[in-house]
Protein backbone atom coordinates (compact mmCIF):
# COMPACT_ATOMS: atom_id res chain seq x y z
CA MET A 1 -19.39 -3.01 102.10
CA ARG A 2 -17.62 0.39 100.97
CA SER A 3 -14.35 -2.02 100.62
CA SER A 4 -16.31 -4.28 98.36
CA ILE A 5 -17.85 -1.52 95.98
CA ALA A 6 -14.26 0.35 95.94
CA ARG A 7 -12.76 -3.16 94.67
CA GLU A 8 -15.42 -3.79 92.11
CA GLU A 9 -15.22 -0.42 90.79
CA ALA A 10 -11.19 -0.49 90.35
CA ARG A 11 -12.01 -4.17 88.40
CA ARG A 12 -14.13 -2.68 86.01
CA ARG A 13 -11.96 -0.10 85.40
CA ARG A 14 -9.19 -2.30 84.60
CA VAL A 15 -11.42 -4.23 82.09
CA SER A 16 -12.25 -1.24 80.67
CA ARG A 17 -8.79 0.07 80.42
CA GLN A 18 -8.11 -3.34 79.05
CA GLN A 19 -11.04 -3.19 76.40
CA VAL A 20 -9.98 -0.07 75.12
CA SER A 21 -6.18 -0.91 74.70
CA ARG A 22 -7.62 -4.33 73.10
CA TRP A 23 -9.59 -2.18 70.77
CA GLN A 24 -6.81 0.34 69.70
CA ARG A 25 -4.61 -2.78 68.96
CA ASP A 26 -7.01 -3.91 66.85
CA LYS A 27 -7.73 -0.57 65.23
CA ARG A 28 -3.64 -0.69 64.55
CA THR A 29 -3.93 -3.77 62.99
CA ARG A 30 -6.63 -3.35 60.93
CA LEU A 31 -5.06 0.02 59.73
CA ILE A 32 -1.98 -1.83 58.78
CA VAL A 33 -3.75 -4.33 56.84
CA PHE A 34 -5.96 -1.96 54.86
CA GLY A 35 -2.61 -0.14 54.15
CA LEU A 36 -0.87 -3.05 52.88
CA ILE A 37 -3.87 -4.36 51.00
CA ALA A 38 -3.82 -0.70 49.39
CA LEU A 39 -0.07 -1.01 48.41
CA VAL A 40 -0.74 -4.12 46.59
CA LEU A 41 -3.89 -2.96 44.91
CA LEU A 42 -1.72 0.22 43.65
CA ALA A 43 1.36 -1.98 42.47
CA ILE A 44 -1.31 -3.87 40.50
CA LEU A 45 -2.84 -1.14 38.85
CA ALA A 46 0.58 0.35 38.13
CA VAL A 47 1.78 -2.24 35.77
CA PRO A 48 -1.36 -1.69 33.15
CA ALA A 49 -1.09 2.06 33.71
CA TYR A 50 2.66 2.20 33.11
CA GLY A 51 2.13 0.05 30.14
CA TYR A 52 -0.70 2.09 28.62
CA TYR A 53 1.77 5.31 29.37
CA ARG A 54 4.45 3.72 27.69
CA GLU A 55 2.35 2.23 24.66
CA PHE A 56 -0.19 5.32 23.86
CA LEU A 57 1.01 8.47 25.80
CA ALA A 58 4.88 8.67 25.89
CA PRO A 59 5.44 7.88 21.77
CA PRO A 60 3.13 10.61 20.81
CA SER A 61 4.97 13.25 23.24
CA LYS A 62 8.40 11.85 22.31
CA LYS A 63 10.79 14.71 20.62
CA VAL A 64 11.36 14.10 16.73
CA THR A 65 13.17 17.92 16.29
CA LYS A 66 13.63 21.22 17.67
CA VAL A 67 13.94 24.75 16.00
CA ASN A 68 15.11 27.16 18.77
CA SER A 69 12.37 26.67 21.24
CA LYS A 70 9.70 25.19 19.32
CA THR A 71 9.45 21.20 19.65
CA PHE A 72 7.88 19.18 17.28
CA THR A 73 6.53 15.60 18.84
CA MET A 74 6.55 12.40 17.46
CA GLY A 75 2.58 12.94 17.38
CA TYR A 76 2.46 16.05 15.28
CA TYR A 77 4.99 13.79 13.06
CA VAL A 78 2.98 11.21 12.51
CA LYS A 79 -0.53 13.28 11.46
CA ARG A 80 2.38 14.83 8.89
CA LEU A 81 2.97 11.63 7.68
CA ARG A 82 -0.57 10.95 7.26
CA MET A 83 -1.10 13.49 5.16
CA LEU A 84 1.63 13.24 2.95
CA THR A 85 0.70 9.69 2.65
CA MET A 86 -2.93 10.51 1.51
CA ALA A 87 -1.30 12.82 -1.15
CA MET A 88 0.80 10.90 -2.56
CA GLY A 89 -1.78 8.39 -2.63
CA GLY A 90 -0.31 5.82 -0.17
CA GLN A 91 2.97 5.49 -2.06
CA LEU A 92 5.79 6.56 -0.54
CA ASP A 93 9.60 5.76 -0.52
CA PHE A 94 10.13 4.91 3.14
CA SER A 95 13.87 4.77 2.68
CA SER A 96 14.05 8.52 2.05
CA VAL A 97 10.69 10.41 2.61
CA PRO A 98 10.28 10.07 6.79
CA PHE A 99 13.67 11.57 6.94
CA GLN A 100 12.64 14.50 4.31
CA LEU A 101 9.53 15.08 6.34
CA VAL A 102 11.80 16.11 9.18
CA ASP A 103 13.75 18.38 7.11
CA ASN A 104 10.34 19.98 5.99
CA ILE A 105 8.82 20.58 9.06
CA GLU A 106 12.25 22.34 10.39
CA ASN A 107 12.38 24.49 7.23
CA GLU A 108 8.68 25.43 7.50
CA GLU A 109 9.68 26.77 10.95
CA ILE A 110 12.44 28.44 10.11
CA ALA A 111 10.49 30.29 7.14
CA ARG A 112 8.03 31.23 9.97
CA LEU A 113 10.83 32.75 12.16
CA GLY A 114 13.00 34.29 9.27
CA ALA A 115 10.00 35.70 6.89
CA PRO A 116 9.42 38.90 9.36
CA ARG A 117 13.13 39.75 8.72
CA LEU A 118 12.43 39.70 5.07
CA GLY A 119 9.38 41.66 5.15
CA ILE A 120 7.30 38.64 4.12
CA THR A 121 4.14 37.89 5.88
CA ALA A 122 1.27 35.37 4.61
CA THR A 123 -2.06 37.01 5.68
CA PRO A 124 -5.45 34.94 7.14
CA GLU A 125 -7.10 35.39 3.91
CA GLU A 126 -4.05 34.42 1.82
CA ILE A 127 -4.10 31.52 4.12
CA THR A 128 -7.66 30.91 3.62
CA SER A 129 -7.60 31.27 -0.27
CA SER A 130 -5.07 28.60 -0.06
CA ILE A 131 -7.08 25.94 1.78
CA ARG A 132 -10.22 26.54 -0.22
CA GLU A 133 -8.12 26.13 -3.37
CA ALA A 134 -6.84 22.91 -2.07
CA VAL A 135 -10.28 21.84 -0.51
CA GLN A 136 -12.87 23.33 -2.28
CA PRO A 137 -15.26 20.95 -3.86
CA GLN A 138 -14.95 20.71 -7.69
CA THR A 139 -17.99 22.01 -10.00
CA PRO A 140 -18.66 22.05 -13.55
CA GLY A 141 -17.45 25.27 -15.35
CA ASP A 142 -20.76 26.37 -16.72
CA ALA A 143 -22.77 25.24 -13.77
CA GLU A 144 -24.35 27.60 -11.51
CA VAL A 145 -23.78 27.15 -7.95
CA ASP A 146 -25.17 28.67 -4.91
CA PRO A 147 -22.52 30.26 -3.10
CA LYS A 148 -24.20 28.88 0.57
CA LYS A 149 -24.39 25.50 -0.61
CA LEU A 150 -20.50 25.49 -1.81
CA ALA A 151 -19.51 27.26 1.41
CA SER A 152 -21.51 24.70 3.11
CA GLU A 153 -19.82 21.82 0.91
CA PHE A 154 -16.27 23.22 1.84
CA ASP A 155 -16.70 23.38 5.33
CA ARG A 156 -17.88 19.76 5.27
CA LEU A 157 -14.73 18.56 3.22
CA TYR A 158 -12.53 20.56 5.18
CA LYS A 159 -13.78 19.12 8.28
CA GLN A 160 -13.75 15.25 6.82
CA TYR A 161 -10.18 16.47 5.80
CA LEU A 162 -9.06 17.70 9.09
CA ASN A 163 -10.38 14.21 10.89
CA THR A 164 -8.95 12.18 8.46
CA ILE A 165 -5.23 13.37 9.11
CA LYS A 166 -6.03 14.35 12.63
CA LEU A 167 -4.74 17.84 12.25
CA SER A 168 -6.17 20.83 14.07
CA ASP A 169 -7.54 23.46 12.20
CA LYS A 170 -4.56 26.03 13.92
CA GLU A 171 -2.03 23.08 13.06
CA PHE A 172 -3.23 22.83 9.24
CA ARG A 173 -3.28 26.55 8.87
CA ASP A 174 0.11 26.99 10.21
CA TYR A 175 1.25 24.22 7.62
CA ILE A 176 -0.38 26.06 4.82
CA LYS A 177 1.31 29.80 5.91
CA ALA A 178 4.86 28.06 6.08
CA GLN A 179 3.85 26.91 2.63
CA ILE A 180 3.30 30.55 1.50
CA LEU A 181 6.15 31.84 3.36
CA GLN A 182 8.54 29.50 1.63
CA SER A 183 7.01 30.25 -1.37
CA LYS A 184 7.54 34.08 -1.13
CA ILE A 185 11.06 33.92 0.01
CA ARG A 186 12.21 31.70 -2.69
CA GLU A 187 10.55 34.12 -5.16
CA GLN A 188 12.24 36.98 -3.11
CA LEU A 189 15.61 35.20 -3.03
CA GLY A 190 15.15 34.49 -6.65
CA GLU A 191 15.01 38.24 -7.49
CA ARG A 192 18.22 39.01 -5.83
CA ILE A 193 20.39 35.76 -7.45
CA PRO A 194 21.74 36.42 -10.79
CA LYS A 195 20.04 34.47 -13.30
CA VAL A 196 23.71 33.00 -14.75
CA ALA A 197 26.26 32.38 -12.16
CA PRO A 198 29.51 30.05 -11.45
CA GLN A 199 28.27 26.45 -10.05
CA VAL A 200 29.79 23.94 -9.00
CA ARG A 201 28.34 19.89 -8.28
CA VAL A 202 28.87 19.31 -4.51
CA GLN A 203 28.73 15.87 -2.84
CA ALA A 204 28.82 16.38 0.88
CA ILE A 205 29.45 14.57 4.23
CA VAL A 206 27.96 16.06 7.38
CA VAL A 207 29.82 15.20 10.65
CA ALA A 208 29.41 16.22 14.05
CA ALA A 209 32.85 16.91 15.75
CA GLY A 210 35.97 17.97 14.56
CA GLU A 211 37.58 14.46 14.81
CA ASP A 212 35.12 13.21 12.71
CA VAL A 213 36.23 15.29 9.98
CA ASP A 214 39.99 14.38 10.42
CA LYS A 215 38.79 10.61 10.05
CA VAL A 216 37.04 11.53 6.99
CA LYS A 217 39.97 13.39 5.47
CA THR A 218 42.24 10.54 6.44
CA ARG A 219 39.58 8.24 4.50
CA LEU A 220 39.81 10.04 1.48
CA ALA A 221 43.30 10.70 1.41
CA LYS A 222 43.89 6.94 1.69
CA GLY A 223 41.79 6.46 -1.59
CA ASP A 224 38.33 5.59 -0.24
CA ASP A 225 35.32 6.09 -2.26
CA PHE A 226 33.31 9.37 -1.48
CA VAL A 227 30.07 7.33 -1.42
CA ALA A 228 31.39 4.48 0.46
CA VAL A 229 32.37 7.03 3.34
CA SER A 230 29.30 8.80 3.24
CA ASP A 231 27.26 5.77 3.69
CA ASP A 232 29.25 4.96 7.11
CA VAL A 233 29.60 8.47 8.46
CA ASN A 234 27.41 11.16 7.15
CA GLY A 235 25.15 12.53 9.61
CA ASP A 236 22.38 14.08 7.08
CA GLU A 237 20.22 11.00 6.22
CA GLU A 238 19.10 12.70 3.27
CA LEU A 239 22.45 13.44 1.69
CA LYS A 240 23.53 9.44 2.58
CA ALA A 241 19.99 8.49 0.88
CA ASN A 242 21.38 10.80 -2.29
CA LYS A 243 24.71 9.18 -2.35
CA ALA A 244 26.40 12.41 -0.64
CA GLU A 245 24.82 14.57 -3.86
CA MET A 246 24.14 17.98 -2.77
CA GLY A 247 23.86 19.10 -6.59
CA TRP A 248 24.69 21.89 -8.89
CA VAL A 249 25.15 25.17 -6.32
CA PRO A 250 25.69 28.74 -7.59
CA ARG A 251 28.31 31.13 -6.07
CA GLY A 252 26.46 33.26 -3.32
CA VAL A 253 23.48 30.97 -1.97
CA MET A 254 25.25 29.05 0.75
CA GLY A 255 27.07 31.90 2.12
CA GLN A 256 30.84 32.78 1.93
CA ALA A 257 32.86 30.03 3.99
CA PHE A 258 30.83 27.74 1.86
CA ASP A 259 31.71 29.54 -1.68
CA ASP A 260 35.48 29.74 -0.52
CA SER A 261 35.81 26.29 0.28
CA VAL A 262 33.86 24.64 -3.12
CA PHE A 263 35.07 27.37 -5.48
CA ASN A 264 38.43 27.52 -4.22
């Protein structure tokens, strides 16, 4: 009797172990299946996610230009181009204006960096005043205007303008600050530069490396037209668009090395 009971217990234990083993195999199989399904779903979702990143997120963050450690992205460039388009009434020369805008952005940052060395600043009050002059609603000269209503209308128009060009208040104030600094720098330099000075009319080709300089010299020595060479190799898009014309340049403006080259 005891032997029969022992055999039955042993059989039950074998069955139980087999059930546990089968349950563990089934669990592993389910985990593998779920894992494969998850990978497939991730792969499917990755395609539109990458497309969204490539089409909408990557372009605005793409670098357009850099001055020292400050990087200006395509997103900022598009905002500035939108602002310029509004200022010009939608009439832009896209053969030259987009390149000029990059130069403007670079020059503005150079002004922000260089102005303190010249003792030049733009106070918050000056920046606010310039913004008000640009955005302030027009009122009849003989009309009495409630200052509170005028301030409220200015705030409304300013927010509307920023919303249209998609610039933040800080970005627009930085832009206005750069305009003020550039104006003050020009004024200060104008006081230092003589009213009358020797000048030369300059055509220029900008290249990146010494070997490119040699190629340009060789072509010009063979008699190739200067403008034609500029069209082929000039690295300055604005100069290329202007047929290599830098214009009339007085002595002492561009530095000693430049003067030694063009005045000799």
